[in-house]
Amino acid sequence: MVPAVFEDLKYRWNKENILHAARGSLLLADSVALQGFPWADATVMVPGEADMHCAYLAKLTGSAILTNDSDLILHDIGPHGSVVLLHSLELENTYSARSIDVPLQAVQLHPASLAQRFDLADLLRLAYQLKLHPNSGLTELIRLAKETLGPQGSADYMEFSEEYKNRPEHAKSGIANSHHLDPRVSELVWQYDAQEINPWDEFPRFYLAILNEDHTRRCAWENGFSYRVLGYSIFNASRPPSRRSCFIDEFVRRGERIARDTIAIRDADWIANQMTAFCARLRLVRAALGENDTATKLWRIFALCDIYGWGGPLPNAKPFSSFLNFGYMGDQMDWADIHLAAQVQAVLYSLRIMKQLIGFTTSANDLMLEMQDTLTSLPPLHVLMRSRFEMANEYLTEDAAGEFLKRYKQLTR
């Protein structure tokens, strides 16, 4: 959700797209004063956890932090800063007013006022006591928060409170150096660029999203693996020699556990071979689609071909068309369909990662230029990760699916 919202605020939500998306659900006046992308400049990516940056800005401006993380009230957000709980947002339930006049309402927490009401300097001591005595009532916790701590208690409290202390210089530098990348890619780039202040004890880390998949089967992220490694390797080669790494640690959910896979960075020959293979595969799918080629169809079908193995047998036309349009191959969805959808998402997200990482290279050979040009048609995240209910917007008839499969079979002989 986070990368999709970030990308939409940067590149999607202008007046035209808002009016189109809200048609039939919200009554927005055509005269709404929105120029360009009004939230683009205010939407920034910061290194590490965002909490301290949000708290710093709330303290600086007296603004509210919109979040589901109630821990934000423990940060120093100043006398006027507040926290608005995202899950509590709702339109006021009134049927007499026009949609454009219906106000939003939400729960707002003002930590300075709460601390004053409890006769405390702030809420940190209260939170610390709650951690020690989770079954105690509020009155007892307030009493404990006012008591003097012994030497060991003071040391434990200092350790507890450390993560909630603002570091304005860190927050300022993070905002100044933000860029327009997927949060996961952004974090990897930051690890490479911040070695002086964040020396590597281990290899750079990359955390993969948790997919809705069948955990009795092979992890869906096994699909798209070669594209992620290609992206890591090209990006690593673009760094100065002193800032390169030999490995990257990927973290992924497998069943009930989070596993770490240490991935070797590959050399120039391997990179060239993989780029050649990728470009050839995409040309193959594009040729087989013919006049039915659209960006969304192209990449989703590319992902399916990748999952089934290039040149291997694909499903018949009817289930193939049904999956592309509705997310399932039979009469109803089952776990095989759910897992296949997760595998498709893994390939597409891996391609997104690769696209952003190779954007850092300054290599200008013909193969790299073709690679970069090819990836420009990769759709934005809200299209790339469409739900099965939205897939029907890119309808591929059974006849068109049959034509693709016939051409694909001929071209892969």
Protein backbone atom coordinates (compact mmCIF):
# COMPACT_ATOMS: atom_id res chain seq x y z
CA MET A 1 0.00 0.00 0.00
CA VAL A 2 2.74 2.48 0.94
CA PRO A 3 4.59 2.46 -2.41
CA ALA A 4 1.28 2.70 -4.29
CA VAL A 5 0.13 5.72 -2.27
CA PHE A 6 3.55 7.37 -2.61
CA GLU A 7 3.59 6.87 -6.38
CA ASP A 8 -0.01 8.07 -6.79
CA LEU A 9 0.58 11.26 -4.82
CA LYS A 10 3.65 11.96 -6.95
CA TYR A 11 2.35 11.11 -10.41
CA ARG A 12 -1.36 10.21 -10.47
CA TRP A 13 -3.62 12.50 -8.46
CA ASN A 14 -4.16 15.62 -10.51
CA LYS A 15 -7.56 17.23 -10.97
CA GLU A 16 -8.45 15.20 -14.08
CA ASN A 17 -7.66 11.82 -12.52
CA ILE A 18 -9.38 12.67 -9.24
CA LEU A 19 -12.59 13.68 -11.04
CA HIS A 20 -12.44 10.51 -13.14
CA ALA A 21 -11.85 8.19 -10.17
CA ALA A 22 -14.50 9.85 -7.97
CA ARG A 23 -17.20 9.86 -10.63
CA GLY A 24 -20.38 8.39 -9.16
CA SER A 25 -19.06 8.17 -5.60
CA LEU A 26 -18.19 11.73 -4.58
CA LEU A 27 -19.68 14.94 -5.91
CA LEU A 28 -16.69 17.14 -6.70
CA ALA A 29 -17.16 20.54 -8.25
CA ASP A 30 -15.51 21.00 -11.66
CA SER A 31 -14.14 24.27 -10.31
CA VAL A 32 -12.05 22.52 -7.64
CA ALA A 33 -8.77 24.45 -7.58
CA LEU A 34 -6.21 21.74 -8.25
CA GLN A 35 -3.26 22.59 -10.45
CA GLY A 36 -0.80 19.94 -11.62
CA PHE A 37 -0.07 17.34 -8.93
CA PRO A 38 -0.78 19.27 -5.72
CA TRP A 39 0.79 16.73 -3.31
CA ALA A 40 3.89 15.87 -5.35
CA ASP A 41 6.27 18.33 -3.70
CA ALA A 42 4.95 17.58 -0.20
CA THR A 43 5.42 13.81 -0.59
CA VAL A 44 8.97 12.75 0.30
CA MET A 45 10.85 9.52 0.99
CA VAL A 46 13.07 9.44 4.08
CA PRO A 47 15.68 6.90 5.24
CA GLY A 48 14.88 4.39 7.95
CA GLU A 49 11.68 4.71 9.98
CA ALA A 50 9.48 7.69 9.11
CA ASP A 51 8.36 8.30 12.72
CA MET A 52 11.08 10.77 13.74
CA HIS A 53 10.65 12.74 10.51
CA CYS A 54 6.88 13.00 10.99
CA ALA A 55 7.37 14.01 14.62
CA TYR A 56 9.94 16.65 13.68
CA LEU A 57 7.61 18.24 11.11
CA ALA A 58 4.63 18.09 13.49
CA LYS A 59 6.67 19.88 16.16
CA LEU A 60 7.97 22.41 13.62
CA THR A 61 4.59 23.24 12.08
CA GLY A 62 2.01 22.23 14.71
CA SER A 63 0.43 19.85 12.21
CA ALA A 64 -1.35 16.53 12.70
CA ILE A 65 0.20 13.15 11.81
CA LEU A 66 -2.25 10.86 10.00
CA THR A 67 -1.29 7.32 11.05
CA ASN A 68 -2.47 4.02 12.51
CA ASP A 69 0.61 3.94 14.76
CA SER A 70 -0.45 5.35 18.12
CA ASP A 71 3.23 5.26 19.23
CA LEU A 72 3.58 8.64 17.49
CA ILE A 73 2.07 10.30 20.59
CA LEU A 74 5.21 9.27 22.48
CA HIS A 75 7.48 11.35 20.25
CA ASP A 76 8.09 15.02 20.95
CA ILE A 77 5.61 16.60 18.54
CA GLY A 78 5.49 19.91 20.37
CA PRO A 79 2.67 21.73 22.19
CA HIS A 80 0.43 21.93 19.12
CA GLY A 81 1.22 18.70 17.23
CA SER A 82 -1.33 15.90 17.23
CA VAL A 83 -2.02 12.42 15.90
CA VAL A 84 -5.10 11.56 13.82
CA LEU A 85 -5.82 7.82 13.66
CA LEU A 86 -6.14 6.71 10.04
CA HIS A 87 -8.50 3.82 10.79
CA SER A 88 -10.95 6.20 12.48
CA LEU A 89 -11.47 8.39 9.39
CA GLU A 90 -15.03 8.31 8.10
CA LEU A 91 -17.54 10.47 6.27
CA GLU A 92 -20.16 11.87 8.59
CA ASN A 93 -23.32 9.80 8.24
CA THR A 94 -25.75 12.31 6.83
CA TYR A 95 -28.10 11.79 3.93
CA SER A 96 -29.49 15.31 3.72
CA ALA A 97 -26.35 17.02 2.47
CA ARG A 98 -24.74 16.81 -0.95
CA SER A 99 -21.62 14.60 -1.03
CA ILE A 100 -19.39 17.63 -1.54
CA ASP A 101 -20.62 19.11 1.76
CA VAL A 102 -20.20 16.00 3.95
CA PRO A 103 -17.31 16.49 6.40
CA LEU A 104 -14.72 13.91 7.45
CA GLN A 105 -14.50 13.01 11.11
CA ALA A 106 -11.75 11.15 12.97
CA VAL A 107 -10.21 10.53 16.38
CA GLN A 108 -7.49 13.06 17.19
CA LEU A 109 -4.96 12.59 20.01
CA HIS A 110 -3.19 15.63 21.45
CA PRO A 111 -0.33 14.33 23.64
CA ALA A 112 0.53 17.69 25.24
CA SER A 113 -3.05 18.07 26.50
CA LEU A 114 -3.18 14.45 27.69
CA ALA A 115 0.09 14.84 29.60
CA GLN A 116 -1.19 18.06 31.19
CA ARG A 117 -4.44 16.35 32.22
CA PHE A 118 -2.44 13.53 33.87
CA ASP A 119 -0.04 16.04 35.49
CA LEU A 120 2.94 14.50 33.65
CA ALA A 121 5.74 16.16 31.70
CA ASP A 122 5.00 13.88 28.74
CA LEU A 123 3.52 10.45 28.03
CA LEU A 124 6.79 8.51 27.89
CA ARG A 125 6.85 7.57 31.58
CA LEU A 126 3.22 6.44 31.31
CA ALA A 127 4.04 4.26 28.30
CA TYR A 128 7.06 2.82 30.12
CA GLN A 129 4.93 1.81 33.08
CA LEU A 130 2.33 0.32 30.72
CA LYS A 131 5.08 -1.85 29.25
CA LEU A 132 6.08 -3.02 32.75
CA HIS A 133 2.51 -3.43 34.04
CA PRO A 134 0.26 -4.22 31.06
CA ASN A 135 -2.65 -5.33 33.25
CA SER A 136 -2.79 -2.22 35.46
CA GLY A 137 -5.52 0.41 35.15
CA LEU A 138 -4.93 3.99 34.01
CA THR A 139 -5.07 5.48 37.52
CA GLU A 140 -2.40 3.07 38.78
CA LEU A 141 -0.20 3.67 35.72
CA ILE A 142 -0.34 7.44 36.26
CA ARG A 143 0.64 6.97 39.92
CA LEU A 144 3.59 4.75 38.93
CA ALA A 145 4.68 7.23 36.25
CA LYS A 146 5.04 9.94 38.91
CA GLU A 147 7.23 7.82 41.19
CA THR A 148 11.00 8.27 41.28
CA LEU A 149 12.89 5.52 39.49
CA GLY A 150 15.86 3.76 41.07
CA PRO A 151 19.25 3.49 39.31
CA GLN A 152 18.31 0.34 37.36
CA GLY A 153 14.86 1.71 36.56
CA SER A 154 16.38 4.94 35.28
CA ALA A 155 18.78 3.02 33.04
CA ASP A 156 15.94 0.85 31.67
CA TYR A 157 13.77 3.90 31.13
CA MET A 158 16.53 5.71 29.22
CA GLU A 159 16.90 2.69 26.92
CA PHE A 160 13.11 2.55 26.40
CA SER A 161 12.80 6.26 25.62
CA GLU A 162 15.77 6.44 23.22
CA GLU A 163 13.79 5.54 20.08
CA TYR A 164 11.26 8.31 20.75
CA LYS A 165 13.78 11.13 20.99
CA ASN A 166 13.79 13.42 17.97
CA ARG A 167 16.98 13.92 16.01
CA PRO A 168 16.21 17.10 14.04
CA GLU A 169 19.49 17.07 12.13
CA HIS A 170 18.76 13.51 10.95
CA ALA A 171 15.21 14.40 10.01
CA LYS A 172 16.29 17.45 8.06
CA SER A 173 18.96 15.60 6.10
CA GLY A 174 16.56 12.78 5.26
CA ILE A 175 13.98 15.18 3.83
CA ALA A 176 16.58 17.09 1.85
CA ASN A 177 17.90 13.92 0.22
CA SER A 178 14.60 12.18 -0.60
CA HIS A 179 14.00 10.80 -4.09
CA HIS A 180 11.21 9.33 -6.20
CA LEU A 181 11.71 5.59 -5.68
CA ASP A 182 9.78 2.65 -4.35
CA PRO A 183 10.36 2.59 -0.56
CA ARG A 184 12.20 -0.74 -0.75
CA VAL A 185 14.48 0.47 -3.52
CA SER A 186 14.95 3.77 -1.70
CA GLU A 187 16.10 1.97 1.42
CA LEU A 188 18.63 -0.10 -0.53
CA VAL A 189 20.04 3.02 -2.23
CA TRP A 190 20.29 4.76 1.14
CA GLN A 191 22.24 1.82 2.59
CA TYR A 192 24.78 2.18 -0.22
CA ASP A 193 25.00 5.96 0.07
CA ALA A 194 25.13 6.25 3.86
CA GLN A 195 28.03 3.94 4.72
CA GLU A 196 29.83 6.70 6.63
CA ILE A 197 26.98 7.19 9.11
CA ASN A 198 25.65 3.63 8.81
CA PRO A 199 28.65 1.32 8.36
CA TRP A 200 27.73 -2.16 7.19
CA ASP A 201 28.02 -4.84 9.84
CA GLU A 202 26.46 -7.17 7.30
CA PHE A 203 25.47 -6.96 3.64
CA PRO A 204 22.89 -4.46 2.32
CA ARG A 205 19.36 -5.65 3.00
CA PHE A 206 16.25 -5.80 0.85
CA TYR A 207 12.86 -6.67 2.35
CA LEU A 208 10.30 -8.20 0.00
CA ALA A 209 6.58 -7.59 0.47
CA ILE A 210 4.35 -10.24 2.03
CA LEU A 211 2.19 -11.71 -0.73
CA ASN A 212 -1.19 -13.40 -0.45
CA GLU A 213 -0.04 -16.89 -1.45
CA ASP A 214 -0.36 -20.60 -0.67
CA HIS A 215 2.37 -21.32 1.87
CA THR A 216 2.23 -25.07 1.20
CA ARG A 217 3.76 -24.33 -2.22
CA ARG A 218 7.12 -22.92 -3.24
CA CYS A 219 7.47 -19.26 -2.21
CA ALA A 220 6.00 -17.00 -4.91
CA TRP A 221 9.05 -14.72 -4.72
CA GLU A 222 11.13 -17.49 -6.32
CA ASN A 223 9.56 -16.10 -9.49
CA GLY A 224 11.25 -12.94 -10.70
CA PHE A 225 14.43 -13.83 -8.79
CA SER A 226 16.70 -13.41 -11.83
CA TYR A 227 15.28 -9.94 -12.54
CA ARG A 228 15.94 -8.78 -8.99
CA VAL A 229 19.50 -10.14 -9.10
CA LEU A 230 20.01 -8.41 -12.45
CA GLY A 231 18.81 -5.13 -10.92
CA TYR A 232 21.03 -5.54 -7.83
CA SER A 233 24.05 -6.38 -9.99
CA ILE A 234 23.62 -3.47 -12.42
CA PHE A 235 23.03 -1.04 -9.55
CA ASN A 236 26.03 -2.38 -7.61
CA ALA A 237 28.25 -1.93 -10.69
CA SER A 238 27.08 1.71 -10.98
CA ARG A 239 28.51 2.53 -7.53
CA PRO A 240 32.15 3.61 -7.02
CA PRO A 241 34.39 0.59 -6.33
CA SER A 242 34.75 1.53 -2.65
CA ARG A 243 30.96 1.48 -2.22
CA ARG A 244 30.23 -1.89 -3.82
CA SER A 245 29.18 -5.08 -2.10
CA CYS A 246 29.71 -8.73 -3.02
CA PHE A 247 26.33 -9.83 -1.64
CA ILE A 248 22.83 -8.57 -0.80
CA ASP A 249 20.57 -10.11 1.84
CA GLU A 250 16.95 -10.59 0.79
CA PHE A 251 14.35 -11.09 3.50
CA VAL A 252 11.18 -12.94 2.52
CA ARG A 253 8.30 -14.70 4.25
CA ARG A 254 8.24 -18.46 3.87
CA GLY A 255 5.28 -20.03 5.65
CA GLU A 256 5.27 -18.78 9.23
CA ARG A 257 8.86 -17.52 9.24
CA ILE A 258 10.91 -14.72 7.72
CA ALA A 259 13.92 -16.13 5.90
CA ARG A 260 17.15 -14.42 4.84
CA ASP A 261 18.71 -15.32 1.48
CA THR A 262 22.23 -14.10 0.80
CA ILE A 263 22.49 -13.35 -2.92
CA ALA A 264 25.78 -13.04 -4.77
CA ILE A 265 26.27 -9.99 -6.99
CA ARG A 266 26.98 -11.14 -10.56
CA ASP A 267 29.68 -10.09 -13.02
CA ALA A 268 29.49 -8.17 -16.31
CA ASP A 269 29.23 -11.27 -18.53
CA TRP A 270 26.29 -12.63 -16.56
CA ILE A 271 24.60 -9.21 -16.65
CA ALA A 272 24.99 -8.97 -20.45
CA ASN A 273 23.60 -12.49 -20.98
CA GLN A 274 20.59 -11.81 -18.76
CA MET A 275 19.82 -8.49 -20.45
CA THR A 276 19.98 -10.16 -23.87
CA ALA A 277 17.63 -12.94 -22.73
CA PHE A 278 15.17 -10.49 -21.17
CA CYS A 279 14.92 -8.28 -24.26
CA ALA A 280 14.45 -11.35 -26.48
CA ARG A 281 11.64 -12.67 -24.26
CA LEU A 282 9.79 -9.39 -24.30
CA ARG A 283 10.08 -9.11 -28.09
CA LEU A 284 8.66 -12.64 -28.31
CA VAL A 285 5.57 -11.81 -26.21
CA ARG A 286 5.04 -8.53 -28.05
CA ALA A 287 5.19 -10.31 -31.44
CA ALA A 288 2.80 -13.04 -30.28
CA LEU A 289 0.28 -10.48 -28.96
CA GLY A 290 0.24 -8.52 -32.21
CA GLU A 291 -2.58 -5.99 -32.38
CA ASN A 292 -3.85 -7.00 -28.92
CA ASP A 293 -0.71 -5.50 -27.35
CA THR A 294 -1.35 -3.09 -24.49
CA ALA A 295 1.06 -2.38 -21.66
CA THR A 296 -1.01 -4.16 -19.00
CA LYS A 297 -1.69 -7.25 -21.12
CA LEU A 298 1.91 -7.38 -22.31
CA TRP A 299 3.45 -7.43 -18.86
CA ARG A 300 0.89 -9.73 -17.24
CA ILE A 301 1.28 -12.25 -20.07
CA PHE A 302 5.06 -11.85 -19.88
CA ALA A 303 4.86 -12.78 -16.19
CA LEU A 304 2.75 -15.87 -16.93
CA CYS A 305 5.19 -17.03 -19.63
CA ASP A 306 8.02 -16.55 -17.13
CA ILE A 307 6.21 -18.65 -14.51
CA TYR A 308 5.36 -21.50 -16.89
CA GLY A 309 8.86 -21.48 -18.40
CA TRP A 310 9.78 -19.95 -21.73
CA GLY A 311 8.70 -22.28 -24.51
CA GLY A 312 6.85 -24.52 -22.04
CA PRO A 313 3.13 -25.32 -22.42
CA LEU A 314 0.76 -22.54 -21.35
CA PRO A 315 -2.90 -23.10 -20.31
CA ASN A 316 -5.53 -23.46 -23.03
CA ALA A 317 -7.22 -20.36 -24.43
CA LYS A 318 -10.32 -20.41 -22.21
CA PRO A 319 -8.57 -20.69 -18.79
CA PHE A 320 -5.76 -18.42 -20.00
CA SER A 321 -8.26 -15.69 -20.94
CA SER A 322 -10.26 -16.24 -17.75
CA PHE A 323 -7.22 -15.83 -15.51
CA LEU A 324 -6.07 -12.67 -17.26
CA ASN A 325 -9.53 -11.13 -16.93
CA PHE A 326 -10.82 -12.43 -13.61
CA GLY A 327 -7.92 -14.01 -11.72
CA TYR A 328 -9.05 -17.64 -11.87
CA MET A 329 -9.01 -20.38 -14.49
CA GLY A 330 -11.94 -22.62 -13.57
CA ASP A 331 -15.52 -21.92 -12.55
CA GLN A 332 -14.40 -20.35 -9.27
CA MET A 333 -11.23 -19.30 -7.52
CA ASP A 334 -9.14 -21.85 -5.62
CA TRP A 335 -5.73 -21.85 -3.94
CA ALA A 336 -3.93 -22.66 -7.19
CA ASP A 337 -5.33 -19.43 -8.68
CA ILE A 338 -4.42 -17.41 -5.59
CA HIS A 339 -0.86 -18.70 -5.69
CA LEU A 340 -0.53 -18.09 -9.43
CA ALA A 341 -1.71 -14.50 -8.92
CA ALA A 342 0.96 -14.08 -6.22
CA GLN A 343 3.59 -15.46 -8.59
CA VAL A 344 2.51 -12.95 -11.27
CA GLN A 345 2.75 -10.14 -8.73
CA ALA A 346 6.22 -11.34 -7.70
CA VAL A 347 7.45 -11.21 -11.32
CA LEU A 348 5.90 -7.80 -11.96
CA TYR A 349 7.21 -6.28 -8.73
CA SER A 350 10.66 -7.74 -9.45
CA LEU A 351 10.58 -6.02 -12.84
CA ARG A 352 9.64 -2.76 -11.10
CA ILE A 353 12.61 -3.17 -8.74
CA MET A 354 14.92 -3.89 -11.67
CA LYS A 355 13.63 -0.90 -13.64
CA GLN A 356 14.35 1.52 -10.80
CA LEU A 357 17.75 0.07 -9.94
CA ILE A 358 19.10 0.12 -13.49
CA GLY A 359 18.04 3.77 -13.70
CA PHE A 360 21.23 4.56 -11.75
CA THR A 361 23.59 3.18 -14.38
CA THR A 362 25.43 5.51 -16.72
CA SER A 363 26.22 2.70 -19.18
CA ALA A 364 25.11 3.75 -22.66
CA ASN A 365 25.65 0.59 -24.74
CA ASP A 366 22.89 -0.49 -27.13
CA LEU A 367 21.74 -3.38 -24.95
CA MET A 368 21.32 -1.21 -21.86
CA LEU A 369 19.47 1.45 -23.85
CA GLU A 370 17.08 -1.19 -25.24
CA MET A 371 16.58 -2.54 -21.73
CA GLN A 372 15.74 0.87 -20.30
CA ASP A 373 13.50 1.77 -23.23
CA THR A 374 11.62 -1.53 -22.92
CA LEU A 375 10.95 -1.02 -19.21
CA THR A 376 9.45 2.46 -19.69
CA SER A 377 6.12 0.80 -20.58
CA LEU A 378 5.93 -0.96 -17.21
CA PRO A 379 2.65 0.38 -15.72
CA PRO A 380 2.41 2.22 -12.39
CA LEU A 381 1.83 0.16 -9.27
CA HIS A 382 -1.93 0.72 -9.04
CA VAL A 383 -2.24 -0.88 -12.50
CA LEU A 384 0.54 -3.43 -12.11
CA MET A 385 -1.04 -4.89 -8.95
CA ARG A 386 -4.69 -4.66 -9.97
CA SER A 387 -7.15 -6.79 -8.05
CA ARG A 388 -9.00 -9.50 -9.95
CA PHE A 389 -12.10 -7.29 -9.93
CA GLU A 390 -10.20 -4.61 -11.85
CA MET A 391 -8.61 -6.97 -14.36
CA ALA A 392 -11.74 -6.94 -16.56
CA ASN A 393 -10.80 -3.40 -17.57
CA GLU A 394 -8.08 -4.98 -19.74
CA TYR A 395 -10.31 -7.60 -21.34
CA LEU A 396 -8.68 -10.25 -23.52
CA THR A 397 -11.27 -12.37 -25.38
CA GLU A 398 -10.91 -16.12 -25.65
CA ASP A 399 -10.31 -15.75 -29.40
CA ALA A 400 -7.53 -13.20 -28.82
CA ALA A 401 -6.00 -15.48 -26.18
CA GLY A 402 -6.14 -18.36 -28.65
CA GLU A 403 -4.38 -16.26 -31.30
CA PHE A 404 -1.64 -15.34 -28.84
CA LEU A 405 -1.11 -18.94 -27.76
CA LYS A 406 -0.92 -20.11 -31.39
CA ARG A 407 1.65 -17.45 -32.33
CA TYR A 408 3.62 -17.99 -29.13
CA LYS A 409 3.85 -21.72 -29.80
CA GLN A 410 5.05 -21.08 -33.35
CA LEU A 411 7.66 -18.53 -32.26
CA THR A 412 9.09 -20.75 -29.51
CA ARG A 413 9.58 -23.85 -31.67
